[in-house]
ModelCIF file with pLDDT and N, C-alpha, C, O atoms, coordinates in Angstrom:
data_MODEL
#
_entry.id   MODEL 
#
_entity.id                         1 
_entity.type                       polymer 
_entity.pdbx_number_of_molecules   1 
#
_entity_poly.entity_id                      1 
_entity_poly.type                           'polypeptide(L)' 
_entity_poly.nstd_linkage                   no 
_entity_poly.nstd_monomer                   no 
_entity_poly.pdbx_seq_one_letter_code       
;(UNK)(UNK)(UNK)(UNK)(UNK)(UNK)(UNK)(UNK)(UNK)(UNK)(UNK)(UNK)(UNK)(UNK)(UNK)(UNK)
(UNK)(UNK)(UNK)(UNK)(UNK)(UNK)(UNK)(UNK)(UNK)(UNK)(UNK)(UNK)(UNK)(UNK)(UNK)(UNK)
(UNK)(UNK)(UNK)(UNK)(UNK)(UNK)(UNK)(UNK)(UNK)(UNK)(UNK)(UNK)(UNK)(UNK)(UNK)(UNK)
;
_entity_poly.pdbx_seq_one_letter_code_can   XXXXXXXXXXXXXXXXXXXXXXXXXXXXXXXXXXXXXXXXXXXXXXXX 
_entity_poly.pdbx_strand_id                 A 
#
loop_
_entity_poly_seq.entity_id 
_entity_poly_seq.num 
_entity_poly_seq.mon_id 
_entity_poly_seq.hetero 
1 1  UNK n 
1 2  UNK n 
1 3  UNK n 
1 4  UNK n 
1 5  UNK n 
1 6  UNK n 
1 7  UNK n 
1 8  UNK n 
1 9  UNK n 
1 10 UNK n 
1 11 UNK n 
1 12 UNK n 
1 13 UNK n 
1 14 UNK n 
1 15 UNK n 
1 16 UNK n 
1 17 UNK n 
1 18 UNK n 
1 19 UNK n 
1 20 UNK n 
1 21 UNK n 
1 22 UNK n 
1 23 UNK n 
1 24 UNK n 
1 25 UNK n 
1 26 UNK n 
1 27 UNK n 
1 28 UNK n 
1 29 UNK n 
1 30 UNK n 
1 31 UNK n 
1 32 UNK n 
1 33 UNK n 
1 34 UNK n 
1 35 UNK n 
1 36 UNK n 
1 37 UNK n 
1 38 UNK n 
1 39 UNK n 
1 40 UNK n 
1 41 UNK n 
1 42 UNK n 
1 43 UNK n 
1 44 UNK n 
1 45 UNK n 
1 46 UNK n 
1 47 UNK n 
1 48 UNK n 
#
_struct_asym.id          A 
_struct_asym.entity_id   1 
#
loop_
_ma_qa_metric.id 
_ma_qa_metric.mode 
_ma_qa_metric.name 
_ma_qa_metric.software_group_id 
_ma_qa_metric.type 
1 global pLDDT . pLDDT 
2 local  pLDDT . pLDDT 
#
_ma_qa_metric_global.metric_id      1 
_ma_qa_metric_global.metric_value   97.00 
_ma_qa_metric_global.model_id       1 
_ma_qa_metric_global.ordinal_id     1 
#
loop_
_ma_qa_metric_local.label_asym_id 
_ma_qa_metric_local.label_comp_id 
_ma_qa_metric_local.label_seq_id 
_ma_qa_metric_local.metric_id 
_ma_qa_metric_local.metric_value 
_ma_qa_metric_local.model_id 
_ma_qa_metric_local.ordinal_id 
A UNK 1  2 92.00 1 1  
A UNK 2  2 95.00 1 2  
A UNK 3  2 96.00 1 3  
A UNK 4  2 97.00 1 4  
A UNK 5  2 97.00 1 5  
A UNK 6  2 98.00 1 6  
A UNK 7  2 98.00 1 7  
A UNK 8  2 98.00 1 8  
A UNK 9  2 97.00 1 9  
A UNK 10 2 98.00 1 10 
A UNK 11 2 98.00 1 11 
A UNK 12 2 98.00 1 12 
A UNK 13 2 98.00 1 13 
A UNK 14 2 98.00 1 14 
A UNK 15 2 98.00 1 15 
A UNK 16 2 98.00 1 16 
A UNK 17 2 98.00 1 17 
A UNK 18 2 98.00 1 18 
A UNK 19 2 97.00 1 19 
A UNK 20 2 98.00 1 20 
A UNK 21 2 98.00 1 21 
A UNK 22 2 98.00 1 22 
A UNK 23 2 98.00 1 23 
A UNK 24 2 98.00 1 24 
A UNK 25 2 98.00 1 25 
A UNK 26 2 98.00 1 26 
A UNK 27 2 98.00 1 27 
A UNK 28 2 97.00 1 28 
A UNK 29 2 96.00 1 29 
A UNK 30 2 96.00 1 30 
A UNK 31 2 93.00 1 31 
A UNK 32 2 96.00 1 32 
A UNK 33 2 95.00 1 33 
A UNK 34 2 98.00 1 34 
A UNK 35 2 98.00 1 35 
A UNK 36 2 98.00 1 36 
A UNK 37 2 98.00 1 37 
A UNK 38 2 98.00 1 38 
A UNK 39 2 96.00 1 39 
A UNK 40 2 96.00 1 40 
A UNK 41 2 97.00 1 41 
A UNK 42 2 97.00 1 42 
A UNK 43 2 98.00 1 43 
A UNK 44 2 98.00 1 44 
A UNK 45 2 97.00 1 45 
A UNK 46 2 97.00 1 46 
A UNK 47 2 95.00 1 47 
A UNK 48 2 91.00 1 48 
#
loop_
_atom_site.group_PDB 
_atom_site.id 
_atom_site.type_symbol 
_atom_site.label_atom_id 
_atom_site.label_alt_id 
_atom_site.label_comp_id 
_atom_site.label_asym_id 
_atom_site.label_entity_id 
_atom_site.label_seq_id 
_atom_site.pdbx_PDB_ins_code 
_atom_site.Cartn_x 
_atom_site.Cartn_y 
_atom_site.Cartn_z 
_atom_site.occupancy 
_atom_site.B_iso_or_equiv 
_atom_site.pdbx_formal_charge 
_atom_site.auth_seq_id 
_atom_site.auth_comp_id 
_atom_site.auth_asym_id 
_atom_site.auth_atom_id 
_atom_site.pdbx_PDB_model_num 
ATOM 1   N N  . UNK A 1 1  ? 0.819  -1.215 0.000  1.00 92.00 ? 1  UNK A N  1 
ATOM 2   C CA . UNK A 1 1  ? 0.000  0.000  0.000  1.00 92.00 ? 1  UNK A CA 1 
ATOM 3   C C  . UNK A 1 1  ? 0.852  1.263  0.000  1.00 92.00 ? 1  UNK A C  1 
ATOM 4   O O  . UNK A 1 1  ? 0.344  2.348  -0.284 1.00 92.00 ? 1  UNK A O  1 
ATOM 5   N N  . UNK A 1 2  ? 2.128  1.139  0.312  1.00 95.00 ? 2  UNK A N  1 
ATOM 6   C CA . UNK A 1 2  ? 3.016  2.307  0.365  1.00 95.00 ? 2  UNK A CA 1 
ATOM 7   C C  . UNK A 1 2  ? 3.669  2.620  -0.987 1.00 95.00 ? 2  UNK A C  1 
ATOM 8   O O  . UNK A 1 2  ? 4.358  3.632  -1.114 1.00 95.00 ? 2  UNK A O  1 
ATOM 9   N N  . UNK A 1 3  ? 3.466  1.780  -1.979 1.00 96.00 ? 3  UNK A N  1 
ATOM 10  C CA . UNK A 1 3  ? 4.086  2.001  -3.285 1.00 96.00 ? 3  UNK A CA 1 
ATOM 11  C C  . UNK A 1 3  ? 3.321  3.057  -4.075 1.00 96.00 ? 3  UNK A C  1 
ATOM 12  O O  . UNK A 1 3  ? 2.090  3.075  -4.076 1.00 96.00 ? 3  UNK A O  1 
ATOM 13  N N  . UNK A 1 4  ? 4.059  3.935  -4.744 1.00 97.00 ? 4  UNK A N  1 
ATOM 14  C CA . UNK A 1 4  ? 3.471  5.001  -5.553 1.00 97.00 ? 4  UNK A CA 1 
ATOM 15  C C  . UNK A 1 4  ? 4.136  5.014  -6.930 1.00 97.00 ? 4  UNK A C  1 
ATOM 16  O O  . UNK A 1 4  ? 5.350  4.845  -7.038 1.00 97.00 ? 4  UNK A O  1 
ATOM 17  N N  . UNK A 1 5  ? 3.338  5.216  -7.977 1.00 97.00 ? 5  UNK A N  1 
ATOM 18  C CA . UNK A 1 5  ? 3.918  5.403  -9.303 1.00 97.00 ? 5  UNK A CA 1 
ATOM 19  C C  . UNK A 1 5  ? 4.697  6.709  -9.358 1.00 97.00 ? 5  UNK A C  1 
ATOM 20  O O  . UNK A 1 5  ? 5.754  6.786  -9.985 1.00 97.00 ? 5  UNK A O  1 
ATOM 21  N N  . UNK A 1 6  ? 4.164  7.742  -8.693 1.00 98.00 ? 6  UNK A N  1 
ATOM 22  C CA . UNK A 1 6  ? 4.840  9.033  -8.572 1.00 98.00 ? 6  UNK A CA 1 
ATOM 23  C C  . UNK A 1 6  ? 4.795  9.430  -7.101 1.00 98.00 ? 6  UNK A C  1 
ATOM 24  O O  . UNK A 1 6  ? 3.756  9.300  -6.452 1.00 98.00 ? 6  UNK A O  1 
ATOM 25  N N  . UNK A 1 7  ? 5.898  9.905  -6.582 1.00 98.00 ? 7  UNK A N  1 
ATOM 26  C CA . UNK A 1 7  ? 5.974  10.197 -5.161 1.00 98.00 ? 7  UNK A CA 1 
ATOM 27  C C  . UNK A 1 7  ? 4.972  11.286 -4.769 1.00 98.00 ? 7  UNK A C  1 
ATOM 28  O O  . UNK A 1 7  ? 4.854  12.310 -5.442 1.00 98.00 ? 7  UNK A O  1 
ATOM 29  N N  . UNK A 1 8  ? 4.269  11.048 -3.691 1.00 98.00 ? 8  UNK A N  1 
ATOM 30  C CA . UNK A 1 8  ? 3.301  12.010 -3.187 1.00 98.00 ? 8  UNK A CA 1 
ATOM 31  C C  . UNK A 1 8  ? 2.821  11.592 -1.815 1.00 98.00 ? 8  UNK A C  1 
ATOM 32  O O  . UNK A 1 8  ? 3.015  10.452 -1.392 1.00 98.00 ? 8  UNK A O  1 
ATOM 33  N N  . UNK A 1 9  ? 2.191  12.530 -1.122 1.00 97.00 ? 9  UNK A N  1 
ATOM 34  C CA . UNK A 1 9  ? 1.697  12.258 0.213  1.00 97.00 ? 9  UNK A CA 1 
ATOM 35  C C  . UNK A 1 9  ? 2.010  13.421 1.142  1.00 97.00 ? 9  UNK A C  1 
ATOM 36  O O  . UNK A 1 9  ? 2.400  14.502 0.701  1.00 97.00 ? 9  UNK A O  1 
ATOM 37  N N  . UNK A 1 10 ? 1.836  13.184 2.406  1.00 98.00 ? 10 UNK A N  1 
ATOM 38  C CA . UNK A 1 10 ? 2.107  14.214 3.411  1.00 98.00 ? 10 UNK A CA 1 
ATOM 39  C C  . UNK A 1 10 ? 3.605  14.238 3.707  1.00 98.00 ? 10 UNK A C  1 
ATOM 40  O O  . UNK A 1 10 ? 4.177  13.244 4.154  1.00 98.00 ? 10 UNK A O  1 
ATOM 41  N N  . UNK A 1 11 ? 4.229  15.386 3.451  1.00 98.00 ? 11 UNK A N  1 
ATOM 42  C CA . UNK A 1 11 ? 5.655  15.561 3.707  1.00 98.00 ? 11 UNK A CA 1 
ATOM 43  C C  . UNK A 1 11 ? 5.828  16.302 5.034  1.00 98.00 ? 11 UNK A C  1 
ATOM 44  O O  . UNK A 1 11 ? 5.442  17.467 5.138  1.00 98.00 ? 11 UNK A O  1 
ATOM 45  N N  . UNK A 1 12 ? 6.402  15.650 6.049  1.00 98.00 ? 12 UNK A N  1 
ATOM 46  C CA . UNK A 1 12 ? 6.635  16.322 7.314  1.00 98.00 ? 12 UNK A CA 1 
ATOM 47  C C  . UNK A 1 12 ? 7.953  17.093 7.293  1.00 98.00 ? 12 UNK A C  1 
ATOM 48  O O  . UNK A 1 12 ? 8.912  16.699 6.629  1.00 98.00 ? 12 UNK A O  1 
ATOM 49  N N  . UNK A 1 13 ? 7.977  18.195 8.029  1.00 98.00 ? 13 UNK A N  1 
ATOM 50  C CA . UNK A 1 13 ? 9.172  19.020 8.149  1.00 98.00 ? 13 UNK A CA 1 
ATOM 51  C C  . UNK A 1 13 ? 9.363  19.333 9.622  1.00 98.00 ? 13 UNK A C  1 
ATOM 52  O O  . UNK A 1 13 ? 8.435  19.783 10.294 1.00 98.00 ? 13 UNK A O  1 
ATOM 53  N N  . UNK A 1 14 ? 10.572 19.094 10.125 1.00 98.00 ? 14 UNK A N  1 
ATOM 54  C CA . UNK A 1 14 ? 10.870 19.440 11.510 1.00 98.00 ? 14 UNK A CA 1 
ATOM 55  C C  . UNK A 1 14 ? 11.356 20.878 11.556 1.00 98.00 ? 14 UNK A C  1 
ATOM 56  O O  . UNK A 1 14 ? 12.287 21.251 10.841 1.00 98.00 ? 14 UNK A O  1 
ATOM 57  N N  . UNK A 1 15 ? 10.719 21.687 12.405 1.00 98.00 ? 15 UNK A N  1 
ATOM 58  C CA . UNK A 1 15 ? 11.025 23.120 12.466 1.00 98.00 ? 15 UNK A CA 1 
ATOM 59  C C  . UNK A 1 15 ? 11.324 23.535 13.899 1.00 98.00 ? 15 UNK A C  1 
ATOM 60  O O  . UNK A 1 15 ? 10.768 22.979 14.846 1.00 98.00 ? 15 UNK A O  1 
ATOM 61  N N  . UNK A 1 16 ? 12.214 24.525 14.050 1.00 98.00 ? 16 UNK A N  1 
ATOM 62  C CA . UNK A 1 16 ? 12.465 25.082 15.373 1.00 98.00 ? 16 UNK A CA 1 
ATOM 63  C C  . UNK A 1 16 ? 11.280 25.955 15.763 1.00 98.00 ? 16 UNK A C  1 
ATOM 64  O O  . UNK A 1 16 ? 10.558 26.460 14.902 1.00 98.00 ? 16 UNK A O  1 
ATOM 65  N N  . UNK A 1 17 ? 11.087 26.127 17.055 1.00 98.00 ? 17 UNK A N  1 
ATOM 66  C CA . UNK A 1 17 ? 9.921  26.880 17.526 1.00 98.00 ? 17 UNK A CA 1 
ATOM 67  C C  . UNK A 1 17 ? 10.064 28.380 17.270 1.00 98.00 ? 17 UNK A C  1 
ATOM 68  O O  . UNK A 1 17 ? 9.078  29.060 16.984 1.00 98.00 ? 17 UNK A O  1 
ATOM 69  N N  . UNK A 1 18 ? 11.282 28.891 17.373 1.00 98.00 ? 18 UNK A N  1 
ATOM 70  C CA . UNK A 1 18 ? 11.497 30.323 17.196 1.00 98.00 ? 18 UNK A CA 1 
ATOM 71  C C  . UNK A 1 18 ? 11.117 30.744 15.774 1.00 98.00 ? 18 UNK A C  1 
ATOM 72  O O  . UNK A 1 18 ? 11.581 30.154 14.798 1.00 98.00 ? 18 UNK A O  1 
ATOM 73  N N  . UNK A 1 19 ? 10.281 31.756 15.671 1.00 97.00 ? 19 UNK A N  1 
ATOM 74  C CA . UNK A 1 19 ? 9.893  32.274 14.361 1.00 97.00 ? 19 UNK A CA 1 
ATOM 75  C C  . UNK A 1 19 ? 9.060  31.333 13.539 1.00 97.00 ? 19 UNK A C  1 
ATOM 76  O O  . UNK A 1 19 ? 9.106  31.390 12.310 1.00 97.00 ? 19 UNK A O  1 
ATOM 77  N N  . UNK A 1 20 ? 8.290  30.458 14.181 1.00 98.00 ? 20 UNK A N  1 
ATOM 78  C CA . UNK A 1 20 ? 7.584  29.409 13.443 1.00 98.00 ? 20 UNK A CA 1 
ATOM 79  C C  . UNK A 1 20 ? 6.555  29.979 12.471 1.00 98.00 ? 20 UNK A C  1 
ATOM 80  O O  . UNK A 1 20 ? 6.331  29.392 11.413 1.00 98.00 ? 20 UNK A O  1 
ATOM 81  N N  . UNK A 1 21 ? 5.931  31.093 12.796 1.00 98.00 ? 21 UNK A N  1 
ATOM 82  C CA . UNK A 1 21 ? 4.945  31.679 11.879 1.00 98.00 ? 21 UNK A CA 1 
ATOM 83  C C  . UNK A 1 21 ? 5.613  32.069 10.556 1.00 98.00 ? 21 UNK A C  1 
ATOM 84  O O  . UNK A 1 21 ? 5.052  31.850 9.482  1.00 98.00 ? 21 UNK A O  1 
ATOM 85  N N  . UNK A 1 22 ? 6.803  32.642 10.644 1.00 98.00 ? 22 UNK A N  1 
ATOM 86  C CA . UNK A 1 22 ? 7.541  32.998 9.435  1.00 98.00 ? 22 UNK A CA 1 
ATOM 87  C C  . UNK A 1 22 ? 7.971  31.746 8.666  1.00 98.00 ? 22 UNK A C  1 
ATOM 88  O O  . UNK A 1 22 ? 7.908  31.706 7.437  1.00 98.00 ? 22 UNK A O  1 
ATOM 89  N N  . UNK A 1 23 ? 8.407  30.730 9.406  1.00 98.00 ? 23 UNK A N  1 
ATOM 90  C CA . UNK A 1 23 ? 8.818  29.479 8.760  1.00 98.00 ? 23 UNK A CA 1 
ATOM 91  C C  . UNK A 1 23 ? 7.651  28.846 8.020  1.00 98.00 ? 23 UNK A C  1 
ATOM 92  O O  . UNK A 1 23 ? 7.819  28.361 6.901  1.00 98.00 ? 23 UNK A O  1 
ATOM 93  N N  . UNK A 1 24 ? 6.468  28.845 8.630  1.00 98.00 ? 24 UNK A N  1 
ATOM 94  C CA . UNK A 1 24 ? 5.294  28.274 7.977  1.00 98.00 ? 24 UNK A CA 1 
ATOM 95  C C  . UNK A 1 24 ? 4.929  29.063 6.719  1.00 98.00 ? 24 UNK A C  1 
ATOM 96  O O  . UNK A 1 24 ? 4.532  28.477 5.711  1.00 98.00 ? 24 UNK A O  1 
ATOM 97  N N  . UNK A 1 25 ? 5.064  30.391 6.776  1.00 98.00 ? 25 UNK A N  1 
ATOM 98  C CA . UNK A 1 25 ? 4.771  31.204 5.592  1.00 98.00 ? 25 UNK A CA 1 
ATOM 99  C C  . UNK A 1 25 ? 5.688  30.825 4.437  1.00 98.00 ? 25 UNK A C  1 
ATOM 100 O O  . UNK A 1 25 ? 5.240  30.701 3.298  1.00 98.00 ? 25 UNK A O  1 
ATOM 101 N N  . UNK A 1 26 ? 6.972  30.640 4.733  1.00 98.00 ? 26 UNK A N  1 
ATOM 102 C CA . UNK A 1 26 ? 7.919  30.261 3.691  1.00 98.00 ? 26 UNK A CA 1 
ATOM 103 C C  . UNK A 1 26 ? 7.662  28.840 3.184  1.00 98.00 ? 26 UNK A C  1 
ATOM 104 O O  . UNK A 1 26 ? 7.819  28.564 1.995  1.00 98.00 ? 26 UNK A O  1 
ATOM 105 N N  . UNK A 1 27 ? 7.268  27.944 4.088  1.00 98.00 ? 27 UNK A N  1 
ATOM 106 C CA . UNK A 1 27 ? 6.945  26.584 3.679  1.00 98.00 ? 27 UNK A CA 1 
ATOM 107 C C  . UNK A 1 27 ? 5.770  26.568 2.706  1.00 98.00 ? 27 UNK A C  1 
ATOM 108 O O  . UNK A 1 27 ? 5.753  25.785 1.757  1.00 98.00 ? 27 UNK A O  1 
ATOM 109 N N  . UNK A 1 28 ? 4.796  27.430 2.944  1.00 97.00 ? 28 UNK A N  1 
ATOM 110 C CA . UNK A 1 28 ? 3.612  27.456 2.081  1.00 97.00 ? 28 UNK A CA 1 
ATOM 111 C C  . UNK A 1 28 ? 3.931  27.956 0.684  1.00 97.00 ? 28 UNK A C  1 
ATOM 112 O O  . UNK A 1 28 ? 3.151  27.740 -0.244 1.00 97.00 ? 28 UNK A O  1 
ATOM 113 N N  . UNK A 1 29 ? 5.053  28.614 0.523  1.00 96.00 ? 29 UNK A N  1 
ATOM 114 C CA . UNK A 1 29 ? 5.462  29.076 -0.800 1.00 96.00 ? 29 UNK A CA 1 
ATOM 115 C C  . UNK A 1 29 ? 5.933  27.917 -1.687 1.00 96.00 ? 29 UNK A C  1 
ATOM 116 O O  . UNK A 1 29 ? 6.165  28.106 -2.882 1.00 96.00 ? 29 UNK A O  1 
ATOM 117 N N  . UNK A 1 30 ? 6.074  26.733 -1.111 1.00 96.00 ? 30 UNK A N  1 
ATOM 118 C CA . UNK A 1 30 ? 6.434  25.563 -1.928 1.00 96.00 ? 30 UNK A CA 1 
ATOM 119 C C  . UNK A 1 30 ? 5.229  25.010 -2.676 1.00 96.00 ? 30 UNK A C  1 
ATOM 120 O O  . UNK A 1 30 ? 5.372  24.129 -3.524 1.00 96.00 ? 30 UNK A O  1 
ATOM 121 N N  . UNK A 1 31 ? 4.032  25.530 -2.361 1.00 93.00 ? 31 UNK A N  1 
ATOM 122 C CA . UNK A 1 31 ? 2.869  25.134 -3.145 1.00 93.00 ? 31 UNK A CA 1 
ATOM 123 C C  . UNK A 1 31 ? 1.784  24.398 -2.407 1.00 93.00 ? 31 UNK A C  1 
ATOM 124 O O  . UNK A 1 31 ? 0.818  23.949 -3.025 1.00 93.00 ? 31 UNK A O  1 
ATOM 125 N N  . UNK A 1 32 ? 1.912  24.259 -1.105 1.00 96.00 ? 32 UNK A N  1 
ATOM 126 C CA . UNK A 1 32 ? 0.849  23.597 -0.347 1.00 96.00 ? 32 UNK A CA 1 
ATOM 127 C C  . UNK A 1 32 ? 0.760  24.192 1.048  1.00 96.00 ? 32 UNK A C  1 
ATOM 128 O O  . UNK A 1 32 ? 1.693  24.850 1.507  1.00 96.00 ? 32 UNK A O  1 
ATOM 129 N N  . UNK A 1 33 ? -0.355 23.964 1.718  1.00 95.00 ? 33 UNK A N  1 
ATOM 130 C CA . UNK A 1 33 ? -0.620 24.601 3.002  1.00 95.00 ? 33 UNK A CA 1 
ATOM 131 C C  . UNK A 1 33 ? -0.042 23.856 4.191  1.00 95.00 ? 33 UNK A C  1 
ATOM 132 O O  . UNK A 1 33 ? -0.742 23.074 4.834  1.00 95.00 ? 33 UNK A O  1 
ATOM 133 N N  . UNK A 1 34 ? 1.210  24.088 4.482  1.00 98.00 ? 34 UNK A N  1 
ATOM 134 C CA . UNK A 1 34 ? 1.836  23.455 5.639  1.00 98.00 ? 34 UNK A CA 1 
ATOM 135 C C  . UNK A 1 34 ? 1.159  23.942 6.929  1.00 98.00 ? 34 UNK A C  1 
ATOM 136 O O  . UNK A 1 34 ? 0.897  25.134 7.092  1.00 98.00 ? 34 UNK A O  1 
ATOM 137 N N  . UNK A 1 35 ? 0.885  23.012 7.831  1.00 98.00 ? 35 UNK A N  1 
ATOM 138 C CA . UNK A 1 35 ? 0.307  23.332 9.137  1.00 98.00 ? 35 UNK A CA 1 
ATOM 139 C C  . UNK A 1 35 ? 1.048  22.544 10.208 1.00 98.00 ? 35 UNK A C  1 
ATOM 140 O O  . UNK A 1 35 ? 1.601  21.478 9.935  1.00 98.00 ? 35 UNK A O  1 
ATOM 141 N N  . UNK A 1 36 ? 1.056  23.068 11.415 1.00 98.00 ? 36 UNK A N  1 
ATOM 142 C CA . UNK A 1 36 ? 1.681  22.356 12.521 1.00 98.00 ? 36 UNK A CA 1 
ATOM 143 C C  . UNK A 1 36 ? 0.895  21.097 12.844 1.00 98.00 ? 36 UNK A C  1 
ATOM 144 O O  . UNK A 1 36 ? -0.335 21.118 12.888 1.00 98.00 ? 36 UNK A O  1 
ATOM 145 N N  . UNK A 1 37 ? 1.605  20.006 13.068 1.00 98.00 ? 37 UNK A N  1 
ATOM 146 C CA . UNK A 1 37 ? 0.970  18.773 13.520 1.00 98.00 ? 37 UNK A CA 1 
ATOM 147 C C  . UNK A 1 37 ? 0.624  18.912 14.994 1.00 98.00 ? 37 UNK A C  1 
ATOM 148 O O  . UNK A 1 37 ? 1.432  19.417 15.774 1.00 98.00 ? 37 UNK A O  1 
ATOM 149 N N  . UNK A 1 38 ? -0.549 18.477 15.378 1.00 98.00 ? 38 UNK A N  1 
ATOM 150 C CA . UNK A 1 38 ? -0.984 18.629 16.767 1.00 98.00 ? 38 UNK A CA 1 
ATOM 151 C C  . UNK A 1 38 ? -1.382 17.286 17.372 1.00 98.00 ? 38 UNK A C  1 
ATOM 152 O O  . UNK A 1 38 ? -1.820 16.372 16.673 1.00 98.00 ? 38 UNK A O  1 
ATOM 153 N N  . UNK A 1 39 ? -1.218 17.194 18.685 1.00 96.00 ? 39 UNK A N  1 
ATOM 154 C CA . UNK A 1 39 ? -1.569 15.974 19.403 1.00 96.00 ? 39 UNK A CA 1 
ATOM 155 C C  . UNK A 1 39 ? -3.057 15.992 19.738 1.00 96.00 ? 39 UNK A C  1 
ATOM 156 O O  . UNK A 1 39 ? -3.735 16.973 19.432 1.00 96.00 ? 39 UNK A O  1 
ATOM 157 N N  . UNK A 1 40 ? -3.589 14.928 20.363 1.00 96.00 ? 40 UNK A N  1 
ATOM 158 C CA . UNK A 1 40 ? -5.029 14.884 20.659 1.00 96.00 ? 40 UNK A CA 1 
ATOM 159 C C  . UNK A 1 40 ? -5.513 16.027 21.556 1.00 96.00 ? 40 UNK A C  1 
ATOM 160 O O  . UNK A 1 40 ? -6.707 16.325 21.569 1.00 96.00 ? 40 UNK A O  1 
ATOM 161 N N  . UNK A 1 41 ? -4.621 16.667 22.299 1.00 97.00 ? 41 UNK A N  1 
ATOM 162 C CA . UNK A 1 41 ? -5.005 17.802 23.144 1.00 97.00 ? 41 UNK A CA 1 
ATOM 163 C C  . UNK A 1 41 ? -4.961 19.126 22.394 1.00 97.00 ? 41 UNK A C  1 
ATOM 164 O O  . UNK A 1 41 ? -5.284 20.178 22.946 1.00 97.00 ? 41 UNK A O  1 
ATOM 165 N N  . UNK A 1 42 ? -4.553 19.058 21.120 1.00 97.00 ? 42 UNK A N  1 
ATOM 166 C CA . UNK A 1 42 ? -4.473 20.275 20.338 1.00 97.00 ? 42 UNK A CA 1 
ATOM 167 C C  . UNK A 1 42 ? -3.156 21.007 20.447 1.00 97.00 ? 42 UNK A C  1 
ATOM 168 O O  . UNK A 1 42 ? -3.018 22.121 19.941 1.00 97.00 ? 42 UNK A O  1 
ATOM 169 N N  . UNK A 1 43 ? -2.180 20.389 21.106 1.00 98.00 ? 43 UNK A N  1 
ATOM 170 C CA . UNK A 1 43 ? -0.875 21.008 21.268 1.00 98.00 ? 43 UNK A CA 1 
ATOM 171 C C  . UNK A 1 43 ? 0.066  20.561 20.150 1.00 98.00 ? 43 UNK A C  1 
ATOM 172 O O  . UNK A 1 43 ? -0.071 19.447 19.645 1.00 98.00 ? 43 UNK A O  1 
ATOM 173 N N  . UNK A 1 44 ? 1.032  21.421 19.748 1.00 98.00 ? 44 UNK A N  1 
ATOM 174 C CA . UNK A 1 44 ? 1.975  21.012 18.720 1.00 98.00 ? 44 UNK A CA 1 
ATOM 175 C C  . UNK A 1 44 ? 2.739  19.756 19.122 1.00 98.00 ? 44 UNK A C  1 
ATOM 176 O O  . UNK A 1 44 ? 3.178  19.627 20.265 1.00 98.00 ? 44 UNK A O  1 
ATOM 177 N N  . UNK A 1 45 ? 2.897  18.829 18.175 1.00 97.00 ? 45 UNK A N  1 
ATOM 178 C CA . UNK A 1 45 ? 3.674  17.620 18.421 1.00 97.00 ? 45 UNK A CA 1 
ATOM 179 C C  . UNK A 1 45 ? 5.143  18.011 18.587 1.00 97.00 ? 45 UNK A C  1 
ATOM 180 O O  . UNK A 1 45 ? 5.684  18.774 17.787 1.00 97.00 ? 45 UNK A O  1 
ATOM 181 N N  . UNK A 1 46 ? 5.776  17.484 19.626 1.00 97.00 ? 46 UNK A N  1 
ATOM 182 C CA . UNK A 1 46 ? 7.173  17.796 19.927 1.00 97.00 ? 46 UNK A CA 1 
ATOM 183 C C  . UNK A 1 46 ? 8.033  16.585 19.566 1.00 97.00 ? 46 UNK A C  1 
ATOM 184 O O  . UNK A 1 46 ? 7.738  15.461 19.970 1.00 97.00 ? 46 UNK A O  1 
ATOM 185 N N  . UNK A 1 47 ? 9.092  16.824 18.806 1.00 95.00 ? 47 UNK A N  1 
ATOM 186 C CA . UNK A 1 47 ? 9.990  15.741 18.413 1.00 95.00 ? 47 UNK A CA 1 
ATOM 187 C C  . UNK A 1 47 ? 10.946 15.398 19.553 1.00 95.00 ? 47 UNK A C  1 
ATOM 188 O O  . UNK A 1 47 ? 10.987 16.078 20.578 1.00 95.00 ? 47 UNK A O  1 
ATOM 189 N N  . UNK A 1 48 ? 11.713 14.325 19.349 1.00 91.00 ? 48 UNK A N  1 
ATOM 190 C CA . UNK A 1 48 ? 12.727 13.941 20.334 1.00 91.00 ? 48 UNK A CA 1 
ATOM 191 C C  . UNK A 1 48 ? 13.781 15.030 20.501 1.00 91.00 ? 48 UNK A C  1 
ATOM 192 O O  . UNK A 1 48 ? 14.710 14.873 21.292 1.00 91.00 ? 48 UNK A O  1 
#
C-alpha cells in the first residue's frame, strides 16, 4: 500500500519553535498549506 507510481503524500518538516509563523509562511510558498501537527489535546507535536 506504500508504493506510488509518482511520489506524493504528506511531507513532514521538523522546524524550530522560534519564528515558526515565518517558517510556515515560507513553507507554504512551496505550493501547499503546511500546518503544525498537533496531538489529541491540540498542542503542537514535539519531536525527540
